[in-house]
Amino acid sequence: MSFLKFKAGARYLTFKFLFFKFELLNLASNRRDGYSFEMT
């Protein structure tokens, strides 16, 4: 039971980390391009 819970928690943390990283990259690229193109 605890092992399954740990596995689910690890997957959730990994997903959250990847999503956060993607958001940071998106913000950085948007700032660098100066919102030149809005269709991505």
C-alpha atoms as a PDB file:
ATOM      1  CA  MET A   1       0.000   0.000   0.000  1.00  0.00           C
ATOM      2  CA  SER A   2       2.654   2.517   1.048  1.00  0.00           C
ATOM      3  CA  PHE A   3       4.824   1.478  -1.918  1.00  0.00           C
ATOM      4  CA  LEU A   4       1.975   2.143  -4.351  1.00  0.00           C
ATOM      5  CA  LYS A   5       1.323   5.478  -2.684  1.00  0.00           C
ATOM      6  CA  PHE A   6       5.008   6.358  -2.980  1.00  0.00           C
ATOM      7  CA  LYS A   7       4.991   5.384  -6.667  1.00  0.00           C
ATOM      8  CA  ALA A   8       1.961   7.573  -7.330  1.00  0.00           C
ATOM      9  CA  GLY A   9       3.534  10.453  -5.417  1.00  0.00           C
ATOM     10  CA  ALA A  10       6.769  10.137  -7.380  1.00  0.00           C
ATOM     11  CA  ARG A  11       4.873  10.148 -10.668  1.00  0.00           C
ATOM     12  CA  TYR A  12       2.878  13.196  -9.552  1.00  0.00           C
ATOM     13  CA  LEU A  13       6.057  15.043  -8.523  1.00  0.00           C
ATOM     14  CA  THR A  14       7.749  14.173 -11.819  1.00  0.00           C
ATOM     15  CA  PHE A  15       4.727  15.420 -13.779  1.00  0.00           C
ATOM     16  CA  LYS A  16       4.619  18.632 -11.738  1.00  0.00           C
ATOM     17  CA  PHE A  17       8.359  19.197 -12.247  1.00  0.00           C
ATOM     18  CA  LEU A  18       8.125  18.629 -16.010  1.00  0.00           C
ATOM     19  CA  PHE A  19       5.115  20.952 -16.265  1.00  0.00           C
ATOM     20  CA  PHE A  20       6.918  23.644 -14.240  1.00  0.00           C
ATOM     21  CA  LYS A  21      10.030  23.293 -16.426  1.00  0.00           C
ATOM     22  CA  PHE A  22       7.901  23.568 -19.575  1.00  0.00           C
ATOM     23  CA  GLU A  23       6.184  26.692 -18.230  1.00  0.00           C
ATOM     24  CA  LEU A  24       9.559  28.297 -17.442  1.00  0.00           C
ATOM     25  CA  LEU A  25      10.878  27.506 -20.935  1.00  0.00           C
ATOM     26  CA  ASN A  26       7.687  28.893 -22.481  1.00  0.00           C
ATOM     27  CA  LEU A  27       7.958  32.117 -20.472  1.00  0.00           C
ATOM     28  CA  ALA A  28      11.638  32.505 -21.350  1.00  0.00           C
ATOM     29  CA  SER A  29      11.052  31.948 -25.068  1.00  0.00           C
ATOM     30  CA  ASN A  30       8.090  34.333 -25.073  1.00  0.00           C
ATOM     31  CA  ARG A  31      10.135  37.042 -23.394  1.00  0.00           C
ATOM     32  CA  ARG A  32      13.065  36.504 -25.768  1.00  0.00           C
ATOM     33  CA  ASP A  33      10.864  36.666 -28.872  1.00  0.00           C
ATOM     34  CA  GLY A  34       9.008  39.683 -27.510  1.00  0.00           C
ATOM     35  CA  TYR A  35       5.642  38.136 -28.406  1.00  0.00           C
ATOM     36  CA  SER A  36       6.494  38.552 -32.093  1.00  0.00           C
ATOM     37  CA  PHE A  37       4.306  35.603 -33.101  1.00  0.00           C
ATOM     38  CA  GLU A  38       1.258  34.491 -31.131  1.00  0.00           C
ATOM     39  CA  MET A  39       0.408  31.407 -33.199  1.00  0.00           C
ATOM     40  CA  THR A  40       2.507  28.586 -31.804  1.00  0.00           C
END
